[in-house]
Amino acid sequence: NRCCTPDQMDDARRIADGLNIPFYVLDTRD
């Protein structure tokens, strides 16, 4: 959906990498 698209996940992961912090995507669907 519009809240968690692959592009948004990629952006967040790229930002986390740039900040040198770990990044997790939590499967919250259920």
PDB file of all heavy atoms in Angstrom:
ATOM      1  N   ASN A   1       0.854  -1.175   0.000  1.00  0.00           N
ATOM      2  CA  ASN A   1       0.000   0.000   0.000  1.00  0.00           C
ATOM      3  C   ASN A   1       0.893   1.229   0.000  1.00  0.00           C
ATOM      4  O   ASN A   1       2.113   1.128  -0.051  1.00  0.00           O
ATOM      5  CB  ASN A   1      -0.949  -0.012   1.194  1.00  0.00           C
ATOM      6  CG  ASN A   1      -0.255   0.296   2.504  1.00  0.00           C
ATOM      7  OD1 ASN A   1       0.955   0.182   2.644  1.00  0.00           O
ATOM      8  ND2 ASN A   1      -1.026   0.697   3.483  1.00  0.00           N
ATOM      9  N   ARG A   2       0.309   2.379   0.070  1.00  0.00           N
ATOM     10  CA  ARG A   2       1.092   3.615  -0.036  1.00  0.00           C
ATOM     11  C   ARG A   2       1.977   3.880   1.176  1.00  0.00           C
ATOM     12  O   ARG A   2       2.858   4.725   1.136  1.00  0.00           O
ATOM     13  CB  ARG A   2       0.182   4.803  -0.302  1.00  0.00           C
ATOM     14  CG  ARG A   2      -0.799   5.086   0.807  1.00  0.00           C
ATOM     15  CD  ARG A   2      -1.771   6.196   0.385  1.00  0.00           C
ATOM     16  NE  ARG A   2      -2.757   6.410   1.409  1.00  0.00           N
ATOM     17  CZ  ARG A   2      -2.663   7.364   2.324  1.00  0.00           C
ATOM     18  NH1 ARG A   2      -1.658   8.200   2.325  1.00  0.00           N
ATOM     19  NH2 ARG A   2      -3.596   7.494   3.245  1.00  0.00           N
ATOM     20  N   CYS A   3       1.776   3.149   2.262  1.00  0.00           N
ATOM     21  CA  CYS A   3       2.566   3.374   3.479  1.00  0.00           C
ATOM     22  C   CYS A   3       3.905   2.635   3.482  1.00  0.00           C
ATOM     23  O   CYS A   3       4.765   2.965   4.282  1.00  0.00           O
ATOM     24  CB  CYS A   3       1.773   2.929   4.703  1.00  0.00           C
ATOM     25  SG  CYS A   3       0.316   3.923   5.015  1.00  0.00           S
ATOM     26  N   CYS A   4       4.046   1.659   2.665  1.00  0.00           N
ATOM     27  CA  CYS A   4       5.271   0.865   2.769  1.00  0.00           C
ATOM     28  C   CYS A   4       5.621   0.239   1.425  1.00  0.00           C
ATOM     29  O   CYS A   4       5.720  -0.974   1.307  1.00  0.00           O
ATOM     30  CB  CYS A   4       5.133  -0.204   3.844  1.00  0.00           C
ATOM     31  SG  CYS A   4       3.646  -1.220   3.684  1.00  0.00           S
ATOM     32  N   THR A   5       5.828   1.075   0.452  1.00  0.00           N
ATOM     33  CA  THR A   5       6.166   0.575  -0.875  1.00  0.00           C
ATOM     34  C   THR A   5       7.620   0.132  -0.906  1.00  0.00           C
ATOM     35  O   THR A   5       8.423   0.546  -0.060  1.00  0.00           O
ATOM     36  CB  THR A   5       5.951   1.667  -1.936  1.00  0.00           C
ATOM     37  OG1 THR A   5       6.896   2.717  -1.720  1.00  0.00           O
ATOM     38  CG2 THR A   5       4.524   2.223  -1.902  1.00  0.00           C
ATOM     39  N   PRO A   6       7.982  -0.683  -1.874  1.00  0.00           N
ATOM     40  CA  PRO A   6       9.389  -1.067  -1.999  1.00  0.00           C
ATOM     41  C   PRO A   6      10.310   0.155  -2.138  1.00  0.00           C
ATOM     42  O   PRO A   6      11.416   0.160  -1.580  1.00  0.00           O
ATOM     43  CB  PRO A   6       9.412  -1.931  -3.258  1.00  0.00           C
ATOM     44  CG  PRO A   6       8.043  -2.523  -3.318  1.00  0.00           C
ATOM     45  CD  PRO A   6       7.127  -1.436  -2.823  1.00  0.00           C
ATOM     46  N   ASP A   7       9.868   1.191  -2.839  1.00  0.00           N
ATOM     47  CA  ASP A   7      10.688   2.403  -2.978  1.00  0.00           C
ATOM     48  C   ASP A   7      10.911   3.075  -1.629  1.00  0.00           C
ATOM     49  O   ASP A   7      12.018   3.537  -1.337  1.00  0.00           O
ATOM     50  CB  ASP A   7      10.042   3.397  -3.953  1.00  0.00           C
ATOM     51  CG  ASP A   7      10.140   2.946  -5.400  1.00  0.00           C
ATOM     52  OD1 ASP A   7      10.951   2.030  -5.701  1.00  0.00           O
ATOM     53  OD2 ASP A   7       9.404   3.508  -6.239  1.00  0.00           O
ATOM     54  N   GLN A   8       9.868   3.149  -0.813  1.00  0.00           N
ATOM     55  CA  GLN A   8      10.012   3.755   0.507  1.00  0.00           C
ATOM     56  C   GLN A   8      10.924   2.910   1.402  1.00  0.00           C
ATOM     57  O   GLN A   8      11.717   3.449   2.173  1.00  0.00           O
ATOM     58  CB  GLN A   8       8.639   3.951   1.153  1.00  0.00           C
ATOM     59  CG  GLN A   8       7.835   5.037   0.471  1.00  0.00           C
ATOM     60  CD  GLN A   8       6.393   5.040   0.894  1.00  0.00           C
ATOM     61  OE1 GLN A   8       5.796   3.987   1.132  1.00  0.00           O
ATOM     62  NE2 GLN A   8       5.804   6.222   0.979  1.00  0.00           N
ATOM     63  N   MET A   9      10.808   1.597   1.290  1.00  0.00           N
ATOM     64  CA  MET A   9      11.708   0.722   2.049  1.00  0.00           C
ATOM     65  C   MET A   9      13.148   0.922   1.607  1.00  0.00           C
ATOM     66  O   MET A   9      14.054   0.992   2.441  1.00  0.00           O
ATOM     67  CB  MET A   9      11.293  -0.740   1.882  1.00  0.00           C
ATOM     68  CG  MET A   9      10.053  -1.106   2.624  1.00  0.00           C
ATOM     69  SD  MET A   9       9.716  -2.873   2.422  1.00  0.00           S
ATOM     70  CE  MET A   9       7.988  -2.907   2.861  1.00  0.00           C
ATOM     71  N   ASP A  10      13.359   1.038   0.296  1.00  0.00           N
ATOM     72  CA  ASP A  10      14.704   1.280  -0.227  1.00  0.00           C
ATOM     73  C   ASP A  10      15.243   2.619   0.265  1.00  0.00           C
ATOM     74  O   ASP A  10      16.411   2.720   0.647  1.00  0.00           O
ATOM     75  CB  ASP A  10      14.721   1.250  -1.758  1.00  0.00           C
ATOM     76  CG  ASP A  10      14.503  -0.143  -2.329  1.00  0.00           C
ATOM     77  OD1 ASP A  10      14.637  -1.135  -1.582  1.00  0.00           O
ATOM     78  OD2 ASP A  10      14.185  -0.232  -3.542  1.00  0.00           O
ATOM     79  N   ASP A  11      14.404   3.654   0.259  1.00  0.00           N
ATOM     80  CA  ASP A  11      14.829   4.973   0.745  1.00  0.00           C
ATOM     81  C   ASP A  11      15.230   4.901   2.217  1.00  0.00           C
ATOM     82  O   ASP A  11      16.278   5.421   2.611  1.00  0.00           O
ATOM     83  CB  ASP A  11      13.712   6.005   0.580  1.00  0.00           C
ATOM     84  CG  ASP A  11      13.470   6.411  -0.867  1.00  0.00           C
ATOM     85  OD1 ASP A  11      14.335   6.116  -1.733  1.00  0.00           O
ATOM     86  OD2 ASP A  11      12.416   7.028  -1.136  1.00  0.00           O
ATOM     87  N   ALA A  12      14.386   4.271   3.026  1.00  0.00           N
ATOM     88  CA  ALA A  12      14.681   4.170   4.456  1.00  0.00           C
ATOM     89  C   ALA A  12      15.964   3.373   4.689  1.00  0.00           C
ATOM     90  O   ALA A  12      16.807   3.754   5.512  1.00  0.00           O
ATOM     91  CB  ALA A  12      13.506   3.526   5.194  1.00  0.00           C
ATOM     92  N   ARG A  13      16.126   2.281   3.961  1.00  0.00           N
ATOM     93  CA  ARG A  13      17.337   1.465   4.106  1.00  0.00           C
ATOM     94  C   ARG A  13      18.580   2.263   3.683  1.00  0.00           C
ATOM     95  O   ARG A  13      19.614   2.216   4.343  1.00  0.00           O
ATOM     96  CB  ARG A  13      17.220   0.183   3.292  1.00  0.00           C
ATOM     97  CG  ARG A  13      18.366  -0.807   3.548  1.00  0.00           C
ATOM     98  CD  ARG A  13      18.193  -2.112   2.808  1.00  0.00           C
ATOM     99  NE  ARG A  13      16.901  -2.749   3.007  1.00  0.00           N
ATOM    100  CZ  ARG A  13      16.549  -3.428   4.095  1.00  0.00           C
ATOM    101  NH1 ARG A  13      17.395  -3.555   5.098  1.00  0.00           N
ATOM    102  NH2 ARG A  13      15.358  -4.005   4.187  1.00  0.00           N
ATOM    103  N   ARG A  14      18.476   3.012   2.593  1.00  0.00           N
ATOM    104  CA  ARG A  14      19.595   3.829   2.122  1.00  0.00           C
ATOM    105  C   ARG A  14      19.960   4.908   3.153  1.00  0.00           C
ATOM    106  O   ARG A  14      21.123   5.156   3.432  1.00  0.00           O
ATOM    107  CB  ARG A  14      19.242   4.476   0.767  1.00  0.00           C
ATOM    108  CG  ARG A  14      20.434   5.151   0.094  1.00  0.00           C
ATOM    109  CD  ARG A  14      20.076   5.806  -1.241  1.00  0.00           C
ATOM    110  NE  ARG A  14      19.274   7.007  -1.015  1.00  0.00           N
ATOM    111  CZ  ARG A  14      17.955   7.123  -1.204  1.00  0.00           C
ATOM    112  NH1 ARG A  14      17.246   6.102  -1.648  1.00  0.00           N
ATOM    113  NH2 ARG A  14      17.333   8.244  -0.962  1.00  0.00           N
ATOM    114  N   ILE A  15      18.957   5.525   3.744  1.00  0.00           N
ATOM    115  CA  ILE A  15      19.200   6.543   4.767  1.00  0.00           C
ATOM    116  C   ILE A  15      19.853   5.912   5.990  1.00  0.00           C
ATOM    117  O   ILE A  15      20.806   6.456   6.551  1.00  0.00           O
ATOM    118  CB  ILE A  15      17.897   7.274   5.120  1.00  0.00           C
ATOM    119  CG1 ILE A  15      17.449   8.122   3.920  1.00  0.00           C
ATOM    120  CG2 ILE A  15      18.064   8.134   6.366  1.00  0.00           C
ATOM    121  CD1 ILE A  15      15.993   8.537   3.951  1.00  0.00           C
ATOM    122  N   ALA A  16      19.344   4.763   6.411  1.00  0.00           N
ATOM    123  CA  ALA A  16      19.939   4.051   7.556  1.00  0.00           C
ATOM    124  C   ALA A  16      21.392   3.688   7.255  1.00  0.00           C
ATOM    125  O   ALA A  16      22.268   3.854   8.122  1.00  0.00           O
ATOM    126  CB  ALA A  16      19.122   2.805   7.895  1.00  0.00           C
ATOM    127  N   ASP A  17      21.657   3.216   6.054  1.00  0.00           N
ATOM    128  CA  ASP A  17      23.039   2.896   5.666  1.00  0.00           C
ATOM    129  C   ASP A  17      23.918   4.134   5.732  1.00  0.00           C
ATOM    130  O   ASP A  17      25.049   4.081   6.216  1.00  0.00           O
ATOM    131  CB  ASP A  17      23.094   2.303   4.254  1.00  0.00           C
ATOM    132  CG  ASP A  17      22.568   0.871   4.185  1.00  0.00           C
ATOM    133  OD1 ASP A  17      22.413   0.230   5.253  1.00  0.00           O
ATOM    134  OD2 ASP A  17      22.313   0.408   3.057  1.00  0.00           O
ATOM    135  N   GLY A  18      23.384   5.260   5.253  1.00  0.00           N
ATOM    136  CA  GLY A  18      24.141   6.508   5.298  1.00  0.00           C
ATOM    137  C   GLY A  18      24.426   6.981   6.708  1.00  0.00           C
ATOM    138  O   GLY A  18      25.430   7.641   6.965  1.00  0.00           O
ATOM    139  N   LEU A  19      23.527   6.662   7.631  1.00  0.00           N
ATOM    140  CA  LEU A  19      23.713   7.008   9.043  1.00  0.00           C
ATOM    141  C   LEU A  19      24.502   5.943   9.789  1.00  0.00           C
ATOM    142  O   LEU A  19      24.794   6.099  10.974  1.00  0.00           O
ATOM    143  CB  LEU A  19      22.354   7.202   9.718  1.00  0.00           C
ATOM    144  CG  LEU A  19      21.511   8.380   9.239  1.00  0.00           C
ATOM    145  CD1 LEU A  19      20.107   8.328   9.854  1.00  0.00           C
ATOM    146  CD2 LEU A  19      22.203   9.702   9.571  1.00  0.00           C
ATOM    147  N   ASN A  20      24.812   4.844   9.080  1.00  0.00           N
ATOM    148  CA  ASN A  20      25.557   3.727   9.663  1.00  0.00           C
ATOM    149  C   ASN A  20      24.809   3.110  10.848  1.00  0.00           C
ATOM    150  O   ASN A  20      25.396   2.847  11.901  1.00  0.00           O
ATOM    151  CB  ASN A  20      26.972   4.161  10.060  1.00  0.00           C
ATOM    152  CG  ASN A  20      27.889   2.970  10.208  1.00  0.00           C
ATOM    153  OD1 ASN A  20      27.709   1.942   9.563  1.00  0.00           O
ATOM    154  ND2 ASN A  20      28.872   3.103  11.089  1.00  0.00           N
ATOM    155  N   ILE A  21      23.498   2.907  10.654  1.00  0.00           N
ATOM    156  CA  ILE A  21      22.679   2.282  11.695  1.00  0.00           C
ATOM    157  C   ILE A  21      22.010   1.040  11.115  1.00  0.00           C
ATOM    158  O   ILE A  21      21.758   0.970   9.917  1.00  0.00           O
ATOM    159  CB  ILE A  21      21.615   3.252  12.256  1.00  0.00           C
ATOM    160  CG1 ILE A  21      20.617   3.687  11.162  1.00  0.00           C
ATOM    161  CG2 ILE A  21      22.269   4.461  12.911  1.00  0.00           C
ATOM    162  CD1 ILE A  21      19.442   4.501  11.675  1.00  0.00           C
ATOM    163  N   PRO A  22      21.724   0.051  11.960  1.00  0.00           N
ATOM    164  CA  PRO A  22      21.001  -1.129  11.469  1.00  0.00           C
ATOM    165  C   PRO A  22      19.577  -0.745  11.088  1.00  0.00           C
ATOM    166  O   PRO A  22      19.013   0.217  11.621  1.00  0.00           O
ATOM    167  CB  PRO A  22      21.017  -2.093  12.657  1.00  0.00           C
ATOM    168  CG  PRO A  22      21.349  -1.279  13.846  1.00  0.00           C
ATOM    169  CD  PRO A  22      22.069  -0.059  13.371  1.00  0.00           C
ATOM    170  N   PHE A  23      18.999  -1.490  10.164  1.00  0.00           N
ATOM    171  CA  PHE A  23      17.646  -1.203   9.684  1.00  0.00           C
ATOM    172  C   PHE A  23      16.867  -2.504   9.571  1.00  0.00           C
ATOM    173  O   PHE A  23      17.363  -3.483   9.027  1.00  0.00           O
ATOM    174  CB  PHE A  23      17.704  -0.509   8.320  1.00  0.00           C
ATOM    175  CG  PHE A  23      16.354  -0.220   7.743  1.00  0.00           C
ATOM    176  CD1 PHE A  23      15.586   0.817   8.239  1.00  0.00           C
ATOM    177  CD2 PHE A  23      15.847  -0.994   6.710  1.00  0.00           C
ATOM    178  CE1 PHE A  23      14.328   1.083   7.712  1.00  0.00           C
ATOM    179  CE2 PHE A  23      14.598  -0.728   6.179  1.00  0.00           C
ATOM    180  CZ  PHE A  23      13.841   0.311   6.677  1.00  0.00           C
ATOM    181  N   TYR A  24      15.652  -2.509  10.099  1.00  0.00           N
ATOM    182  CA  TYR A  24      14.798  -3.685  10.076  1.00  0.00           C
ATOM    183  C   TYR A  24      13.432  -3.341   9.496  1.00  0.00           C
ATOM    184  O   TYR A  24      12.862  -2.293   9.825  1.00  0.00           O
ATOM    185  CB  TYR A  24      14.582  -4.234  11.493  1.00  0.00           C
ATOM    186  CG  TYR A  24      15.857  -4.592  12.203  1.00  0.00           C
ATOM    187  CD1 TYR A  24      16.440  -3.708  13.101  1.00  0.00           C
ATOM    188  CD2 TYR A  24      16.487  -5.812  11.973  1.00  0.00           C
ATOM    189  CE1 TYR A  24      17.621  -4.032  13.755  1.00  0.00           C
ATOM    190  CE2 TYR A  24      17.661  -6.146  12.629  1.00  0.00           C
ATOM    191  CZ  TYR A  24      18.228  -5.243  13.510  1.00  0.00           C
ATOM    192  OH  TYR A  24      19.389  -5.560  14.153  1.00  0.00           O
ATOM    193  N   VAL A  25      12.907  -4.200   8.654  1.00  0.00           N
ATOM    194  CA  VAL A  25      11.525  -4.112   8.202  1.00  0.00           C
ATOM    195  C   VAL A  25      10.751  -5.176   8.961  1.00  0.00           C
ATOM    196  O   VAL A  25      11.092  -6.360   8.887  1.00  0.00           O
ATOM    197  CB  VAL A  25      11.393  -4.323   6.672  1.00  0.00           C
ATOM    198  CG1 VAL A  25       9.923  -4.340   6.256  1.00  0.00           C
ATOM    199  CG2 VAL A  25      12.150  -3.240   5.908  1.00  0.00           C
ATOM    200  N   LEU A  26       9.755  -4.759   9.706  1.00  0.00           N
ATOM    201  CA  LEU A  26       8.961  -5.671  10.519  1.00  0.00           C
ATOM    202  C   LEU A  26       7.674  -6.019   9.785  1.00  0.00           C
ATOM    203  O   LEU A  26       6.927  -5.128   9.372  1.00  0.00           O
ATOM    204  CB  LEU A  26       8.619  -5.023  11.862  1.00  0.00           C
ATOM    205  CG  LEU A  26       9.808  -4.545  12.692  1.00  0.00           C
ATOM    206  CD1 LEU A  26       9.315  -3.843  13.946  1.00  0.00           C
ATOM    207  CD2 LEU A  26      10.714  -5.697  13.036  1.00  0.00           C
ATOM    208  N   ASP A  27       7.407  -7.281   9.631  1.00  0.00           N
ATOM    209  CA  ASP A  27       6.186  -7.732   8.976  1.00  0.00           C
ATOM    210  C   ASP A  27       5.039  -7.603   9.970  1.00  0.00           C
ATOM    211  O   ASP A  27       4.875  -8.425  10.864  1.00  0.00           O
ATOM    212  CB  ASP A  27       6.336  -9.167   8.489  1.00  0.00           C
ATOM    213  CG  ASP A  27       5.175  -9.613   7.624  1.00  0.00           C
ATOM    214  OD1 ASP A  27       4.157  -8.883   7.565  1.00  0.00           O
ATOM    215  OD2 ASP A  27       5.277 -10.678   7.002  1.00  0.00           O
ATOM    216  N   THR A  28       4.265  -6.564   9.805  1.00  0.00           N
ATOM    217  CA  THR A  28       3.199  -6.207  10.727  1.00  0.00           C
ATOM    218  C   THR A  28       1.827  -6.531  10.144  1.00  0.00           C
ATOM    219  O   THR A  28       0.807  -6.203  10.726  1.00  0.00           O
ATOM    220  CB  THR A  28       3.306  -4.696  11.058  1.00  0.00           C
ATOM    221  OG1 THR A  28       4.657  -4.379  11.330  1.00  0.00           O
ATOM    222  CG2 THR A  28       2.491  -4.306  12.260  1.00  0.00           C
ATOM    223  N   ARG A  29       1.801  -7.160   8.995  1.00  0.00           N
ATOM    224  CA  ARG A  29       0.539  -7.363   8.269  1.00  0.00           C
ATOM    225  C   ARG A  29      -0.493  -8.126   9.083  1.00  0.00           C
ATOM    226  O   ARG A  29      -1.661  -7.716   9.145  1.00  0.00           O
ATOM    227  CB  ARG A  29       0.801  -8.063   6.940  1.00  0.00           C
ATOM    228  CG  ARG A  29       1.551  -7.164   5.952  1.00  0.00           C
ATOM    229  CD  ARG A  29       1.916  -7.889   4.708  1.00  0.00           C
ATOM    230  NE  ARG A  29       2.896  -8.943   5.034  1.00  0.00           N
ATOM    231  CZ  ARG A  29       3.411  -9.767   4.155  1.00  0.00           C
ATOM    232  NH1 ARG A  29       3.056  -9.696   2.893  1.00  0.00           N
ATOM    233  NH2 ARG A  29       4.307 -10.671   4.509  1.00  0.00           N
ATOM    234  N   ASP A  30      -0.133  -9.211   9.725  1.00  0.00           N
ATOM    235  CA  ASP A  30      -1.116 -10.007  10.462  1.00  0.00           C
ATOM    236  C   ASP A  30      -1.672  -9.263  11.666  1.00  0.00           C
ATOM    237  O   ASP A  30      -2.888  -9.258  11.903  1.00  0.00           O
ATOM    238  CB  ASP A  30      -0.514 -11.342  10.901  1.00  0.00           C
ATOM    239  CG  ASP A  30      -0.312 -12.304   9.747  1.00  0.00           C
ATOM    240  OD1 ASP A  30      -0.908 -12.096   8.665  1.00  0.00           O
ATOM    241  OD2 ASP A  30       0.464 -13.268   9.917  1.00  0.00           O
TER     242      ASP A  30
END
